[in-house]
């Protein structure tokens, strides 16, 4: 069965070769002189806006002044998650790749995003003694329309590459909300309030929430609120990208 699976994967790779999410370059593992890693070509990897150590201690947003500890956004509000990290700044090729995954059915990009998270954030997960990975859920209506939940795909790959359990059913989206991107900060908080319900026993768990983009943190705060209310010990987050904000 294992050999048959490998043959099937090889045939699919020949028909539908893997492409770098950021430039479209073919990066099939079997390609001669391939320099891809986690599905990203060498040229893009060298240009991607990875977030370094000079970042907000709460949301992980990149900071320009090494002497600062928190971004302006996080000094103005108290978040309900402990802290979080993101792979890249949400701009240019990263913004395009995340958009393509969500709205152009490039769900295969979730493999790259999940593997990158595992590679870059495994020490972060260990230090915080994470026991459960939970993707931020979509409302059932939106998931049916899109056909998948992008956060769930990334969370599954992260789980497979870290050995940490993942439960896509731990939190359910019970309220169909307007798209957050169309709202301001206060509107986002009102819009998302009461949108989630905990469906599983999470008492004592150290949970990391997975989502595609961090903007103001309103969605993650609301998910963290219901998880803490249900008995979760601590709630953190990882996202593919984060807005630069202020």
C-alpha atoms as a PDB file:
ATOM      1  CA  UNK A   1       0.000   0.000   0.000  1.00  0.00           C
ATOM      2  CA  UNK A   2       2.839   2.381   0.845  1.00  0.00           C
ATOM      3  CA  UNK A   3       4.521   1.759  -2.522  1.00  0.00           C
ATOM      4  CA  UNK A   4       1.206   2.312  -4.322  1.00  0.00           C
ATOM      5  CA  UNK A   5       0.772   5.595  -2.478  1.00  0.00           C
ATOM      6  CA  UNK A   6       4.248   6.745  -3.538  1.00  0.00           C
ATOM      7  CA  UNK A   7       3.563   5.820  -7.172  1.00  0.00           C
ATOM      8  CA  UNK A   8       0.287   7.765  -7.068  1.00  0.00           C
ATOM      9  CA  UNK A   9       2.040  10.802  -5.573  1.00  0.00           C
ATOM     10  CA  UNK A  10       4.762  10.626  -8.236  1.00  0.00           C
ATOM     11  CA  UNK A  11       2.197  10.502 -11.055  1.00  0.00           C
ATOM     12  CA  UNK A  12       0.262  13.427  -9.579  1.00  0.00           C
ATOM     13  CA  UNK A  13       3.498  15.383  -9.233  1.00  0.00           C
ATOM     14  CA  UNK A  14       4.263  14.841 -12.910  1.00  0.00           C
ATOM     15  CA  UNK A  15       0.779  15.957 -13.963  1.00  0.00           C
ATOM     16  CA  UNK A  16       0.410  18.754 -11.410  1.00  0.00           C
ATOM     17  CA  UNK A  17       3.940  19.808 -10.404  1.00  0.00           C
ATOM     18  CA  UNK A  18       4.297  21.729  -7.159  1.00  0.00           C
ATOM     19  CA  UNK A  19       4.829  25.464  -7.505  1.00  0.00           C
ATOM     20  CA  UNK A  20       6.276  28.049  -5.158  1.00  0.00           C
ATOM     21  CA  UNK A  21       3.315  29.887  -3.550  1.00  0.00           C
ATOM     22  CA  UNK A  22       5.072  33.216  -3.960  1.00  0.00           C
ATOM     23  CA  UNK A  23       6.225  33.253  -7.591  1.00  0.00           C
ATOM     24  CA  UNK A  24       4.722  30.200  -9.323  1.00  0.00           C
ATOM     25  CA  UNK A  25       8.109  28.617 -10.075  1.00  0.00           C
ATOM     26  CA  UNK A  26       7.946  24.812 -10.346  1.00  0.00           C
ATOM     27  CA  UNK A  27       9.626  23.434  -7.231  1.00  0.00           C
ATOM     28  CA  UNK A  28       8.939  19.698  -7.525  1.00  0.00           C
ATOM     29  CA  UNK A  29      11.240  17.743  -5.260  1.00  0.00           C
ATOM     30  CA  UNK A  30      12.374  15.612  -8.198  1.00  0.00           C
ATOM     31  CA  UNK A  31      13.175  18.569 -10.418  1.00  0.00           C
ATOM     32  CA  UNK A  32      16.824  18.692 -11.471  1.00  0.00           C
ATOM     33  CA  UNK A  33      18.833  21.268  -9.503  1.00  0.00           C
ATOM     34  CA  UNK A  34      15.781  22.028  -7.347  1.00  0.00           C
ATOM     35  CA  UNK A  35      16.633  24.297  -4.411  1.00  0.00           C
ATOM     36  CA  UNK A  36      13.159  24.364  -2.874  1.00  0.00           C
ATOM     37  CA  UNK A  37      12.528  23.881   0.835  1.00  0.00           C
ATOM     38  CA  UNK A  38       9.020  23.395   2.213  1.00  0.00           C
ATOM     39  CA  UNK A  39       7.764  24.231  -1.275  1.00  0.00           C
ATOM     40  CA  UNK A  40       9.448  27.656  -1.421  1.00  0.00           C
ATOM     41  CA  UNK A  41      12.032  28.381  -4.099  1.00  0.00           C
ATOM     42  CA  UNK A  42      15.419  29.738  -3.026  1.00  0.00           C
ATOM     43  CA  UNK A  43      14.914  33.120  -4.685  1.00  0.00           C
ATOM     44  CA  UNK A  44      11.649  33.785  -2.831  1.00  0.00           C
ATOM     45  CA  UNK A  45      12.950  32.493   0.495  1.00  0.00           C
ATOM     46  CA  UNK A  46      15.746  35.056   0.386  1.00  0.00           C
ATOM     47  CA  UNK A  47      13.245  37.882  -0.234  1.00  0.00           C
ATOM     48  CA  UNK A  48      10.372  36.907   2.063  1.00  0.00           C
ATOM     49  CA  UNK A  49       9.680  39.334   4.955  1.00  0.00           C
ATOM     50  CA  UNK A  50      10.314  36.897   7.816  1.00  0.00           C
ATOM     51  CA  UNK A  51       9.791  38.543  11.196  1.00  0.00           C
ATOM     52  CA  UNK A  52      12.955  38.741  13.297  1.00  0.00           C
ATOM     53  CA  UNK A  53      13.624  39.167  16.998  1.00  0.00           C
ATOM     54  CA  UNK A  54      12.793  42.889  17.111  1.00  0.00           C
ATOM     55  CA  UNK A  55       9.059  42.404  17.554  1.00  0.00           C
ATOM     56  CA  UNK A  56       6.200  43.168  19.915  1.00  0.00           C
ATOM     57  CA  UNK A  57       6.326  40.922  22.984  1.00  0.00           C
ATOM     58  CA  UNK A  58       2.567  40.398  22.768  1.00  0.00           C
ATOM     59  CA  UNK A  59       1.361  40.170  19.159  1.00  0.00           C
ATOM     60  CA  UNK A  60       4.771  39.620  17.540  1.00  0.00           C
ATOM     61  CA  UNK A  61       4.437  42.533  15.115  1.00  0.00           C
ATOM     62  CA  UNK A  62       7.850  43.754  13.863  1.00  0.00           C
ATOM     63  CA  UNK A  63       9.160  46.867  15.612  1.00  0.00           C
ATOM     64  CA  UNK A  64      11.500  49.506  14.217  1.00  0.00           C
ATOM     65  CA  UNK A  65      13.034  50.460  17.577  1.00  0.00           C
ATOM     66  CA  UNK A  66      14.899  47.631  19.396  1.00  0.00           C
ATOM     67  CA  UNK A  67      14.352  49.467  22.698  1.00  0.00           C
ATOM     68  CA  UNK A  68      10.567  49.098  22.428  1.00  0.00           C
ATOM     69  CA  UNK A  69       8.818  46.092  23.978  1.00  0.00           C
ATOM     70  CA  UNK A  70       5.277  46.502  22.648  1.00  0.00           C
ATOM     71  CA  UNK A  71       3.708  47.914  19.501  1.00  0.00           C
ATOM     72  CA  UNK A  72       1.358  50.878  19.774  1.00  0.00           C
ATOM     73  CA  UNK A  73      -1.695  48.653  19.242  1.00  0.00           C
ATOM     74  CA  UNK A  74      -0.808  46.392  22.178  1.00  0.00           C
ATOM     75  CA  UNK A  75      -0.108  49.312  24.534  1.00  0.00           C
ATOM     76  CA  UNK A  76      -3.682  50.511  23.954  1.00  0.00           C
ATOM     77  CA  UNK A  77      -5.496  47.261  24.699  1.00  0.00           C
ATOM     78  CA  UNK A  78      -5.155  44.146  26.812  1.00  0.00           C
ATOM     79  CA  UNK A  79      -5.407  40.947  24.822  1.00  0.00           C
ATOM     80  CA  UNK A  80      -6.973  37.736  26.129  1.00  0.00           C
ATOM     81  CA  UNK A  81      -4.304  35.523  24.549  1.00  0.00           C
ATOM     82  CA  UNK A  82      -0.870  35.438  26.201  1.00  0.00           C
ATOM     83  CA  UNK A  83       1.184  36.164  23.097  1.00  0.00           C
ATOM     84  CA  UNK A  84       1.727  34.971  19.538  1.00  0.00           C
ATOM     85  CA  UNK A  85       3.953  34.825  16.496  1.00  0.00           C
ATOM     86  CA  UNK A  86       3.580  35.155  12.717  1.00  0.00           C
ATOM     87  CA  UNK A  87       5.852  33.964   9.938  1.00  0.00           C
ATOM     88  CA  UNK A  88       5.781  36.992   7.655  1.00  0.00           C
ATOM     89  CA  UNK A  89       4.603  40.563   7.292  1.00  0.00           C
ATOM     90  CA  UNK A  90       1.352  40.606   5.301  1.00  0.00           C
ATOM     91  CA  UNK A  91       2.424  42.384   2.118  1.00  0.00           C
ATOM     92  CA  UNK A  92       3.414  41.829  -1.511  1.00  0.00           C
ATOM     93  CA  UNK A  93       4.015  38.145  -2.379  1.00  0.00           C
ATOM     94  CA  UNK A  94       2.877  36.942   1.058  1.00  0.00           C
ATOM     95  CA  UNK A  95      -0.417  38.822   0.776  1.00  0.00           C
ATOM     96  CA  UNK A  96      -0.953  37.384  -2.706  1.00  0.00           C
ATOM     97  CA  UNK A  97      -0.211  33.808  -1.574  1.00  0.00           C
ATOM     98  CA  UNK A  98      -2.580  33.988   1.407  1.00  0.00           C
ATOM     99  CA  UNK A  99      -5.289  35.463  -0.826  1.00  0.00           C
ATOM    100  CA  UNK A 100      -4.762  32.713  -3.421  1.00  0.00           C
ATOM    101  CA  UNK A 101      -5.076  30.011  -0.784  1.00  0.00           C
ATOM    102  CA  UNK A 102      -8.349  31.406   0.557  1.00  0.00           C
ATOM    103  CA  UNK A 103     -10.097  32.611  -2.565  1.00  0.00           C
ATOM    104  CA  UNK A 104      -8.479  30.776  -5.496  1.00  0.00           C
ATOM    105  CA  UNK A 105      -8.549  27.262  -4.005  1.00  0.00           C
ATOM    106  CA  UNK A 106      -4.770  27.033  -3.583  1.00  0.00           C
ATOM    107  CA  UNK A 107      -5.232  24.912  -0.492  1.00  0.00           C
ATOM    108  CA  UNK A 108      -1.936  23.143  -1.276  1.00  0.00           C
ATOM    109  CA  UNK A 109      -0.216  26.294   0.008  1.00  0.00           C
ATOM    110  CA  UNK A 110      -1.316  25.217   3.474  1.00  0.00           C
ATOM    111  CA  UNK A 111       1.337  22.499   3.295  1.00  0.00           C
ATOM    112  CA  UNK A 112       4.040  25.135   2.910  1.00  0.00           C
ATOM    113  CA  UNK A 113       2.612  27.399   5.601  1.00  0.00           C
ATOM    114  CA  UNK A 114       2.198  24.558   8.114  1.00  0.00           C
ATOM    115  CA  UNK A 115       5.704  23.182   7.524  1.00  0.00           C
ATOM    116  CA  UNK A 116       7.204  26.650   7.850  1.00  0.00           C
ATOM    117  CA  UNK A 117       5.390  27.140  11.159  1.00  0.00           C
ATOM    118  CA  UNK A 118       6.696  23.826  12.476  1.00  0.00           C
ATOM    119  CA  UNK A 119      10.246  24.658  11.442  1.00  0.00           C
ATOM    120  CA  UNK A 120      10.316  28.208  12.786  1.00  0.00           C
ATOM    121  CA  UNK A 121       8.112  27.922  15.869  1.00  0.00           C
ATOM    122  CA  UNK A 122       8.780  24.494  17.389  1.00  0.00           C
ATOM    123  CA  UNK A 123      10.919  26.024  20.201  1.00  0.00           C
ATOM    124  CA  UNK A 124       8.123  28.538  20.839  1.00  0.00           C
ATOM    125  CA  UNK A 125       5.588  25.706  21.190  1.00  0.00           C
ATOM    126  CA  UNK A 126       7.860  23.690  23.479  1.00  0.00           C
ATOM    127  CA  UNK A 127       8.668  26.662  25.732  1.00  0.00           C
ATOM    128  CA  UNK A 128       4.959  27.296  26.245  1.00  0.00           C
ATOM    129  CA  UNK A 129       4.204  23.609  26.794  1.00  0.00           C
ATOM    130  CA  UNK A 130       1.488  23.605  24.124  1.00  0.00           C
ATOM    131  CA  UNK A 131      -0.794  20.578  24.449  1.00  0.00           C
ATOM    132  CA  UNK A 132      -3.409  21.328  21.786  1.00  0.00           C
ATOM    133  CA  UNK A 133      -3.519  23.019  18.375  1.00  0.00           C
ATOM    134  CA  UNK A 134      -6.891  24.590  17.500  1.00  0.00           C
ATOM    135  CA  UNK A 135      -7.632  26.235  14.128  1.00  0.00           C
ATOM    136  CA  UNK A 136      -9.888  29.283  14.174  1.00  0.00           C
ATOM    137  CA  UNK A 137     -13.142  27.901  12.707  1.00  0.00           C
ATOM    138  CA  UNK A 138     -15.209  29.231   9.834  1.00  0.00           C
ATOM    139  CA  UNK A 139     -18.987  29.371  10.064  1.00  0.00           C
ATOM    140  CA  UNK A 140     -20.475  26.262   8.421  1.00  0.00           C
ATOM    141  CA  UNK A 141     -22.078  28.363   5.693  1.00  0.00           C
ATOM    142  CA  UNK A 142     -18.805  30.019   4.721  1.00  0.00           C
ATOM    143  CA  UNK A 143     -16.915  26.731   4.898  1.00  0.00           C
ATOM    144  CA  UNK A 144     -19.423  25.083   2.549  1.00  0.00           C
ATOM    145  CA  UNK A 145     -19.079  27.950   0.093  1.00  0.00           C
ATOM    146  CA  UNK A 146     -15.263  27.916   0.168  1.00  0.00           C
ATOM    147  CA  UNK A 147     -14.979  24.146   0.442  1.00  0.00           C
ATOM    148  CA  UNK A 148     -12.357  24.186   3.195  1.00  0.00           C
ATOM    149  CA  UNK A 149     -11.044  26.086   6.202  1.00  0.00           C
ATOM    150  CA  UNK A 150      -7.564  27.404   5.441  1.00  0.00           C
ATOM    151  CA  UNK A 151      -6.637  27.590   9.143  1.00  0.00           C
ATOM    152  CA  UNK A 152      -7.574  23.925   9.595  1.00  0.00           C
ATOM    153  CA  UNK A 153      -5.289  22.847   6.733  1.00  0.00           C
ATOM    154  CA  UNK A 154      -2.343  24.748   8.226  1.00  0.00           C
ATOM    155  CA  UNK A 155      -3.100  23.422  11.724  1.00  0.00           C
ATOM    156  CA  UNK A 156      -3.214  19.819  10.495  1.00  0.00           C
ATOM    157  CA  UNK A 157       0.199  20.115   8.817  1.00  0.00           C
ATOM    158  CA  UNK A 158       1.625  21.806  11.919  1.00  0.00           C
ATOM    159  CA  UNK A 159       0.312  18.947  14.062  1.00  0.00           C
ATOM    160  CA  UNK A 160       1.783  16.308  11.741  1.00  0.00           C
ATOM    161  CA  UNK A 161       5.185  17.993  11.851  1.00  0.00           C
ATOM    162  CA  UNK A 162       5.341  18.634  15.602  1.00  0.00           C
ATOM    163  CA  UNK A 163       3.489  15.683  17.109  1.00  0.00           C
ATOM    164  CA  UNK A 164       1.161  18.033  19.019  1.00  0.00           C
ATOM    165  CA  UNK A 165      -2.508  17.039  18.947  1.00  0.00           C
ATOM    166  CA  UNK A 166      -4.897  19.075  16.782  1.00  0.00           C
ATOM    167  CA  UNK A 167      -8.656  19.308  17.270  1.00  0.00           C
ATOM    168  CA  UNK A 168     -10.593  21.153  14.575  1.00  0.00           C
ATOM    169  CA  UNK A 169     -13.825  20.589  16.494  1.00  0.00           C
ATOM    170  CA  UNK A 170     -12.758  22.092  19.809  1.00  0.00           C
ATOM    171  CA  UNK A 171     -14.257  25.468  18.910  1.00  0.00           C
ATOM    172  CA  UNK A 172     -17.285  26.026  16.680  1.00  0.00           C
ATOM    173  CA  UNK A 173     -18.307  29.240  14.954  1.00  0.00           C
ATOM    174  CA  UNK A 174     -21.957  29.613  15.891  1.00  0.00           C
ATOM    175  CA  UNK A 175     -22.572  33.095  14.499  1.00  0.00           C
ATOM    176  CA  UNK A 176     -22.259  34.101  10.849  1.00  0.00           C
ATOM    177  CA  UNK A 177     -20.329  37.361  11.016  1.00  0.00           C
ATOM    178  CA  UNK A 178     -19.572  40.033   8.445  1.00  0.00           C
ATOM    179  CA  UNK A 179     -16.024  39.875   7.027  1.00  0.00           C
ATOM    180  CA  UNK A 180     -13.694  41.468   9.599  1.00  0.00           C
ATOM    181  CA  UNK A 181     -11.586  43.147   6.903  1.00  0.00           C
ATOM    182  CA  UNK A 182     -14.481  45.496   6.126  1.00  0.00           C
ATOM    183  CA  UNK A 183     -14.686  46.850   9.702  1.00  0.00           C
ATOM    184  CA  UNK A 184     -12.745  49.165  11.995  1.00  0.00           C
ATOM    185  CA  UNK A 185     -11.267  48.136  15.348  1.00  0.00           C
ATOM    186  CA  UNK A 186     -14.433  48.693  17.427  1.00  0.00           C
ATOM    187  CA  UNK A 187     -16.620  47.225  14.710  1.00  0.00           C
ATOM    188  CA  UNK A 188     -14.490  44.082  14.612  1.00  0.00           C
ATOM    189  CA  UNK A 189     -14.925  43.529  18.340  1.00  0.00           C
ATOM    190  CA  UNK A 190     -18.706  43.977  18.168  1.00  0.00           C
ATOM    191  CA  UNK A 191     -18.949  41.809  15.079  1.00  0.00           C
ATOM    192  CA  UNK A 192     -17.044  38.851  16.518  1.00  0.00           C
ATOM    193  CA  UNK A 193     -18.532  38.925  20.039  1.00  0.00           C
ATOM    194  CA  UNK A 194     -20.419  35.690  20.728  1.00  0.00           C
ATOM    195  CA  UNK A 195     -19.265  34.093  17.474  1.00  0.00           C
ATOM    196  CA  UNK A 196     -17.597  31.038  19.060  1.00  0.00           C
ATOM    197  CA  UNK A 197     -18.590  28.179  21.338  1.00  0.00           C
ATOM    198  CA  UNK A 198     -16.319  25.538  22.873  1.00  0.00           C
ATOM    199  CA  UNK A 199     -17.410  21.992  21.947  1.00  0.00           C
ATOM    200  CA  UNK A 200     -14.784  19.862  23.723  1.00  0.00           C
ATOM    201  CA  UNK A 201     -13.213  19.537  27.160  1.00  0.00           C
ATOM    202  CA  UNK A 202     -10.247  21.938  27.152  1.00  0.00           C
ATOM    203  CA  UNK A 203      -9.753  22.215  30.909  1.00  0.00           C
ATOM    204  CA  UNK A 204      -6.076  22.623  31.776  1.00  0.00           C
ATOM    205  CA  UNK A 205      -4.940  22.727  28.132  1.00  0.00           C
ATOM    206  CA  UNK A 206      -2.251  25.077  26.835  1.00  0.00           C
ATOM    207  CA  UNK A 207      -3.711  25.942  23.446  1.00  0.00           C
ATOM    208  CA  UNK A 208      -2.264  27.565  20.354  1.00  0.00           C
ATOM    209  CA  UNK A 209      -4.818  29.027  17.945  1.00  0.00           C
ATOM    210  CA  UNK A 210      -3.992  28.935  14.232  1.00  0.00           C
ATOM    211  CA  UNK A 211      -5.208  31.499  11.704  1.00  0.00           C
ATOM    212  CA  UNK A 212      -4.069  32.914   8.381  1.00  0.00           C
ATOM    213  CA  UNK A 213      -3.770  36.638   9.170  1.00  0.00           C
ATOM    214  CA  UNK A 214      -3.412  38.739  12.329  1.00  0.00           C
ATOM    215  CA  UNK A 215      -4.821  42.232  11.929  1.00  0.00           C
ATOM    216  CA  UNK A 216      -6.098  43.644  15.235  1.00  0.00           C
ATOM    217  CA  UNK A 217      -6.378  40.408  17.205  1.00  0.00           C
ATOM    218  CA  UNK A 218     -10.158  40.714  17.727  1.00  0.00           C
ATOM    219  CA  UNK A 219     -10.954  37.242  16.345  1.00  0.00           C
ATOM    220  CA  UNK A 220      -8.179  35.580  18.340  1.00  0.00           C
ATOM    221  CA  UNK A 221      -9.202  37.466  21.490  1.00  0.00           C
ATOM    222  CA  UNK A 222     -12.788  36.225  21.208  1.00  0.00           C
ATOM    223  CA  UNK A 223     -11.663  32.634  20.624  1.00  0.00           C
ATOM    224  CA  UNK A 224      -9.278  32.938  23.583  1.00  0.00           C
ATOM    225  CA  UNK A 225     -12.081  34.345  25.752  1.00  0.00           C
ATOM    226  CA  UNK A 226     -14.395  31.362  25.277  1.00  0.00           C
ATOM    227  CA  UNK A 227     -11.521  28.875  25.651  1.00  0.00           C
ATOM    228  CA  UNK A 228     -10.394  30.471  28.930  1.00  0.00           C
ATOM    229  CA  UNK A 229     -13.989  30.517  30.147  1.00  0.00           C
ATOM    230  CA  UNK A 230     -14.174  26.781  29.379  1.00  0.00           C
ATOM    231  CA  UNK A 231     -11.106  26.114  31.518  1.00  0.00           C
ATOM    232  CA  UNK A 232      -8.116  26.361  29.174  1.00  0.00           C
ATOM    233  CA  UNK A 233      -4.954  27.180  31.114  1.00  0.00           C
ATOM    234  CA  UNK A 234      -3.352  29.507  28.549  1.00  0.00           C
ATOM    235  CA  UNK A 235      -4.090  30.514  24.964  1.00  0.00           C
ATOM    236  CA  UNK A 236      -1.485  31.575  22.384  1.00  0.00           C
ATOM    237  CA  UNK A 237      -1.588  32.015  18.619  1.00  0.00           C
ATOM    238  CA  UNK A 238       0.352  31.465  15.406  1.00  0.00           C
ATOM    239  CA  UNK A 239      -0.590  33.023  12.076  1.00  0.00           C
ATOM    240  CA  UNK A 240       0.861  32.868   8.600  1.00  0.00           C
ATOM    241  CA  UNK A 241       1.149  36.653   8.350  1.00  0.00           C
ATOM    242  CA  UNK A 242       0.565  39.836  10.303  1.00  0.00           C
ATOM    243  CA  UNK A 243      -0.294  43.377   9.285  1.00  0.00           C
ATOM    244  CA  UNK A 244       2.335  45.988  10.071  1.00  0.00           C
ATOM    245  CA  UNK A 245      -0.182  48.202  11.835  1.00  0.00           C
ATOM    246  CA  UNK A 246       1.234  50.967  14.013  1.00  0.00           C
END
